[in-house]
């Protein structure tokens, strides 16, 4: 995994939780990491925590669903570091509702942040990576791409991520650029900890492993895809979900 040493990596939605864990893991193995988040306080805070832990990190505030802001971010990365070796598309939101209660705004917001943002960032990264003849793109999907009750918008967006990953893998393979995805299951984040205790216990009981994942579990998968250890792997989706992807969401 130390093959990421000396690489330049950009992680979107990295101000906390899974994104910060990914950025931290890359930085502590020698990569120079750019932390992206929509909120400056979160982006700056994550960058400072990574630096305090011994990593090299900077930050850039941008809305990754906005094409102009994405272009500005990638221009800054290129001007500052002259290359980009690893892109991790992690930015995402959830607005769950039954389809009869889901608003058009709920649908558009989730598709914009979860899917459109990945297209926009991949498009910018691909240009840089093709020119330099090297790149690793890791898209964060979700186990919910298989279907989630009350998650028509979220499931559709994360299914789109899987399809986007496969299509781009075919386009970019000849340029030594791999594109892979990770589909996390239930992970112990602030959102999970804010659930009522009985809800947390029910969700844990549904896990084949009897526990939920940690952000570091997802980061370990990213490290594999970001390193040269995965140089012959592209267009693939790994479920890091404690086996939950093997069963129905109702079980």
Protein backbone atom coordinates (compact mmCIF):
# COMPACT_ATOMS: atom_id res chain seq x y z
CA UNK A 1 0.00 0.00 0.00
CA UNK A 2 3.01 2.33 0.34
CA UNK A 3 3.03 2.52 -3.45
CA UNK A 4 0.94 5.68 -3.06
CA UNK A 5 3.98 7.46 -1.61
CA UNK A 6 4.84 10.52 -3.68
CA UNK A 7 1.45 10.55 -5.40
CA UNK A 8 -0.91 13.52 -5.48
CA UNK A 9 -4.46 12.63 -4.46
CA UNK A 10 -7.73 14.57 -4.37
CA UNK A 11 -10.54 13.30 -2.13
CA UNK A 12 -13.97 14.93 -2.43
CA UNK A 13 -16.33 15.23 0.51
CA UNK A 14 -13.38 14.63 2.82
CA UNK A 15 -14.20 17.04 5.64
CA UNK A 16 -15.32 14.25 7.99
CA UNK A 17 -16.30 10.60 8.23
CA UNK A 18 -15.39 8.19 5.45
CA UNK A 19 -13.87 10.90 3.26
CA UNK A 20 -11.53 12.11 5.99
CA UNK A 21 -10.51 8.53 6.80
CA UNK A 22 -9.65 7.98 3.13
CA UNK A 23 -7.64 11.21 2.90
CA UNK A 24 -5.82 10.40 6.14
CA UNK A 25 -4.94 6.86 5.03
CA UNK A 26 -3.50 8.12 1.75
CA UNK A 27 -1.54 10.90 3.43
CA UNK A 28 -0.07 8.70 6.15
CA UNK A 29 1.25 6.40 3.44
CA UNK A 30 3.09 9.22 1.75
CA UNK A 31 0.63 10.78 -0.67
CA UNK A 32 0.10 14.52 -0.87
CA UNK A 33 -3.63 14.90 -0.33
CA UNK A 34 -6.04 17.67 -1.28
CA UNK A 35 -9.09 17.63 0.98
CA UNK A 36 -12.27 18.88 -0.68
CA UNK A 37 -15.45 19.81 1.11
CA UNK A 38 -18.37 22.17 0.59
CA UNK A 39 -17.77 23.83 3.98
CA UNK A 40 -14.48 25.59 4.60
CA UNK A 41 -14.39 24.79 8.31
CA UNK A 42 -14.71 21.08 7.68
CA UNK A 43 -12.15 21.07 4.87
CA UNK A 44 -9.62 23.10 6.83
CA UNK A 45 -10.18 21.06 9.99
CA UNK A 46 -9.64 17.71 8.26
CA UNK A 47 -6.52 19.05 6.52
CA UNK A 48 -5.10 20.28 9.83
CA UNK A 49 -5.82 16.97 11.59
CA UNK A 50 -4.08 15.04 8.81
CA UNK A 51 -1.08 17.36 8.95
CA UNK A 52 -0.91 17.05 12.75
CA UNK A 53 -0.85 13.26 12.37
CA UNK A 54 2.22 13.50 10.13
CA UNK A 55 0.66 13.62 6.67
CA UNK A 56 0.84 16.24 3.93
CA UNK A 57 -2.50 17.85 3.16
CA UNK A 58 -4.06 21.00 1.77
CA UNK A 59 -7.69 21.82 1.10
CA UNK A 60 -9.95 23.33 -1.52
CA UNK A 61 -13.55 24.39 -0.95
CA UNK A 62 -15.88 23.60 -3.84
CA UNK A 63 -19.35 22.32 -4.65
CA UNK A 64 -18.54 19.26 -6.75
CA UNK A 65 -21.95 19.35 -8.43
CA UNK A 66 -21.07 22.74 -9.94
CA UNK A 67 -19.07 22.47 -13.15
CA UNK A 68 -17.39 25.86 -12.80
CA UNK A 69 -16.25 25.19 -9.24
CA UNK A 70 -14.96 21.74 -10.19
CA UNK A 71 -12.96 23.21 -13.06
CA UNK A 72 -11.46 25.83 -10.71
CA UNK A 73 -10.50 23.13 -8.21
CA UNK A 74 -8.71 21.00 -10.79
CA UNK A 75 -6.97 24.05 -12.24
CA UNK A 76 -5.70 24.84 -8.74
CA UNK A 77 -4.46 21.28 -8.23
CA UNK A 78 -2.63 21.38 -11.56
CA UNK A 79 -1.13 24.81 -10.88
CA UNK A 80 -0.07 23.80 -7.36
CA UNK A 81 1.17 20.23 -7.85
CA UNK A 82 1.53 19.94 -11.65
CA UNK A 83 -0.20 16.55 -11.68
CA UNK A 84 -2.98 14.43 -10.19
CA UNK A 85 -2.40 10.72 -9.65
CA UNK A 86 -5.42 9.68 -7.57
CA UNK A 87 -9.01 10.92 -7.53
CA UNK A 88 -11.44 9.61 -4.93
CA UNK A 89 -15.06 10.68 -5.56
CA UNK A 90 -16.61 10.49 -2.11
CA UNK A 91 -18.99 13.49 -1.90
CA UNK A 92 -22.57 12.41 -1.32
CA UNK A 93 -25.85 13.13 0.44
CA UNK A 94 -28.99 11.23 1.44
CA UNK A 95 -32.60 12.44 1.26
CA UNK A 96 -34.64 9.32 1.94
CA UNK A 97 -38.39 9.20 1.37
CA UNK A 98 -40.98 6.85 -0.03
CA UNK A 99 -41.40 7.51 -3.75
CA UNK A 100 -44.91 8.91 -3.21
CA UNK A 101 -43.46 11.45 -0.76
CA UNK A 102 -40.21 12.19 -2.60
CA UNK A 103 -40.06 15.66 -4.10
CA UNK A 104 -38.46 16.62 -7.37
CA UNK A 105 -35.99 18.68 -5.34
CA UNK A 106 -35.06 15.58 -3.30
CA UNK A 107 -34.43 13.64 -6.50
CA UNK A 108 -32.42 16.36 -8.22
CA UNK A 109 -30.27 17.18 -5.18
CA UNK A 110 -29.20 13.57 -4.61
CA UNK A 111 -28.52 12.86 -8.29
CA UNK A 112 -26.53 16.10 -8.61
CA UNK A 113 -24.30 15.52 -5.59
CA UNK A 114 -23.95 11.74 -5.81
CA UNK A 115 -23.68 11.19 -9.57
CA UNK A 116 -23.25 14.43 -11.51
CA UNK A 117 -20.36 15.44 -9.23
CA UNK A 118 -18.53 12.21 -10.03
CA UNK A 119 -18.97 12.77 -13.76
CA UNK A 120 -17.68 16.33 -13.48
CA UNK A 121 -14.64 15.33 -11.41
CA UNK A 122 -13.87 12.29 -13.56
CA UNK A 123 -14.03 14.42 -16.69
CA UNK A 124 -11.46 16.87 -15.32
CA UNK A 125 -9.23 14.16 -13.86
CA UNK A 126 -9.29 12.11 -17.06
CA UNK A 127 -7.80 14.96 -19.08
CA UNK A 128 -4.90 15.33 -16.65
CA UNK A 129 -4.32 11.61 -16.21
CA UNK A 130 -4.40 10.76 -19.91
CA UNK A 131 -1.84 13.48 -20.60
CA UNK A 132 0.52 12.19 -17.91
CA UNK A 133 -0.10 8.54 -18.82
CA UNK A 134 -1.08 7.45 -15.32
CA UNK A 135 -4.05 7.66 -12.99
CA UNK A 136 -6.21 5.95 -10.42
CA UNK A 137 -9.88 6.92 -10.05
CA UNK A 138 -11.90 5.44 -7.19
CA UNK A 139 -15.63 6.18 -7.10
CA UNK A 140 -17.58 5.65 -3.90
CA UNK A 141 -20.91 3.97 -4.60
CA UNK A 142 -23.00 2.17 -1.95
CA UNK A 143 -24.49 -1.24 -1.25
CA UNK A 144 -27.78 0.58 -1.79
CA UNK A 145 -27.17 0.50 -5.55
CA UNK A 146 -28.69 -2.98 -5.28
CA UNK A 147 -31.87 -1.34 -3.98
CA UNK A 148 -32.84 0.39 -0.78
CA UNK A 149 -36.31 0.83 0.71
CA UNK A 150 -37.27 4.50 0.64
CA UNK A 151 -34.12 5.31 -1.33
CA UNK A 152 -35.21 5.56 -4.96
CA UNK A 153 -33.05 8.64 -5.52
CA UNK A 154 -30.04 7.37 -3.54
CA UNK A 155 -30.12 3.88 -5.06
CA UNK A 156 -30.45 5.31 -8.57
CA UNK A 157 -27.52 7.67 -8.01
CA UNK A 158 -25.28 4.94 -6.62
CA UNK A 159 -26.26 2.54 -9.40
CA UNK A 160 -25.28 5.28 -11.81
CA UNK A 161 -21.88 5.44 -10.15
CA UNK A 162 -21.31 1.74 -10.85
CA UNK A 163 -22.27 2.17 -14.51
CA UNK A 164 -20.19 5.32 -14.86
CA UNK A 165 -17.23 3.45 -13.41
CA UNK A 166 -17.54 0.62 -15.92
CA UNK A 167 -17.91 2.95 -18.90
CA UNK A 168 -14.93 5.12 -17.96
CA UNK A 169 -12.78 2.07 -17.23
CA UNK A 170 -13.21 1.03 -20.88
CA UNK A 171 -12.41 4.51 -22.17
CA UNK A 172 -9.31 5.07 -20.07
CA UNK A 173 -7.69 1.63 -19.80
CA UNK A 174 -5.37 2.14 -22.77
CA UNK A 175 -3.97 5.26 -21.08
CA UNK A 176 -2.85 3.45 -17.90
CA UNK A 177 -5.75 4.96 -15.99
CA UNK A 178 -7.88 2.59 -13.91
CA UNK A 179 -11.39 3.35 -12.70
CA UNK A 180 -12.92 1.29 -9.91
CA UNK A 181 -15.68 1.65 -7.34
CA UNK A 182 -16.29 0.77 -3.72
CA UNK A 183 -19.79 0.06 -2.42
CA UNK A 184 -19.81 0.52 1.36
CA UNK A 185 -22.47 -0.97 3.54
CA UNK A 186 -23.40 0.35 6.96
CA UNK A 187 -20.49 2.33 8.44
CA UNK A 188 -20.06 3.86 11.88
CA UNK A 189 -20.27 7.56 11.11
CA UNK A 190 -21.95 10.50 12.86
CA UNK A 191 -25.15 9.72 10.96
CA UNK A 192 -25.19 6.16 12.31
CA UNK A 193 -24.36 7.28 15.85
CA UNK A 194 -27.26 9.77 15.74
CA UNK A 195 -29.82 6.99 15.16
CA UNK A 196 -31.88 5.93 18.16
CA UNK A 197 -30.28 3.11 20.10
CA UNK A 198 -33.00 0.62 19.12
CA UNK A 199 -32.53 1.49 15.45
CA UNK A 200 -28.76 1.00 15.73
CA UNK A 201 -29.25 -2.35 17.41
CA UNK A 202 -31.69 -3.51 14.74
CA UNK A 203 -29.31 -2.51 11.96
CA UNK A 204 -26.39 -4.28 13.61
CA UNK A 205 -28.50 -7.43 14.07
CA UNK A 206 -29.13 -7.44 10.29
CA UNK A 207 -25.40 -7.54 9.55
CA UNK A 208 -23.98 -11.00 8.70
CA UNK A 209 -20.79 -10.03 10.56
CA UNK A 210 -22.72 -8.80 13.58
CA UNK A 211 -21.07 -5.39 13.42
CA UNK A 212 -21.01 -2.27 11.30
CA UNK A 213 -17.94 -1.16 9.42
CA UNK A 214 -15.51 1.58 10.32
CA UNK A 215 -14.42 4.40 8.00
CA UNK A 216 -10.97 2.80 7.97
CA UNK A 217 -12.45 -0.33 6.37
CA UNK A 218 -13.46 1.75 3.36
CA UNK A 219 -10.12 3.56 3.34
CA UNK A 220 -8.30 0.23 3.11
CA UNK A 221 -10.22 -0.61 -0.06
CA UNK A 222 -9.34 2.76 -1.54
CA UNK A 223 -5.66 2.19 -0.75
CA UNK A 224 -5.72 -0.98 -2.84
CA UNK A 225 -7.36 0.67 -5.84
CA UNK A 226 -5.12 3.74 -5.51
CA UNK A 227 -1.91 1.74 -5.48
CA UNK A 228 -0.06 -0.08 -8.24
CA UNK A 229 -1.05 -3.36 -6.57
CA UNK A 230 -4.32 -3.01 -8.52
CA UNK A 231 -2.76 -2.01 -11.86
CA UNK A 232 -4.50 -4.89 -13.68
CA UNK A 233 -7.90 -4.24 -12.08
CA UNK A 234 -10.33 -1.80 -13.65
CA UNK A 235 -14.09 -1.37 -13.98
CA UNK A 236 -14.72 -3.34 -10.79
CA UNK A 237 -16.94 -2.69 -7.78
CA UNK A 238 -15.96 -4.08 -4.38
CA UNK A 239 -18.65 -4.34 -1.70
CA UNK A 240 -17.21 -3.50 1.71
CA UNK A 241 -20.33 -4.25 3.69
CA UNK A 242 -19.74 -7.17 6.05
CA UNK A 243 -21.57 -9.51 3.68
CA UNK A 244 -24.79 -7.48 3.58
CA UNK A 245 -24.73 -7.32 -0.22
CA UNK A 246 -25.30 -11.09 -0.25
CA UNK A 247 -28.79 -10.75 1.24
CA UNK A 248 -31.98 -8.84 0.57
CA UNK A 249 -32.38 -5.43 2.18
CA UNK A 250 -35.43 -6.87 3.92
CA UNK A 251 -33.52 -9.68 5.66
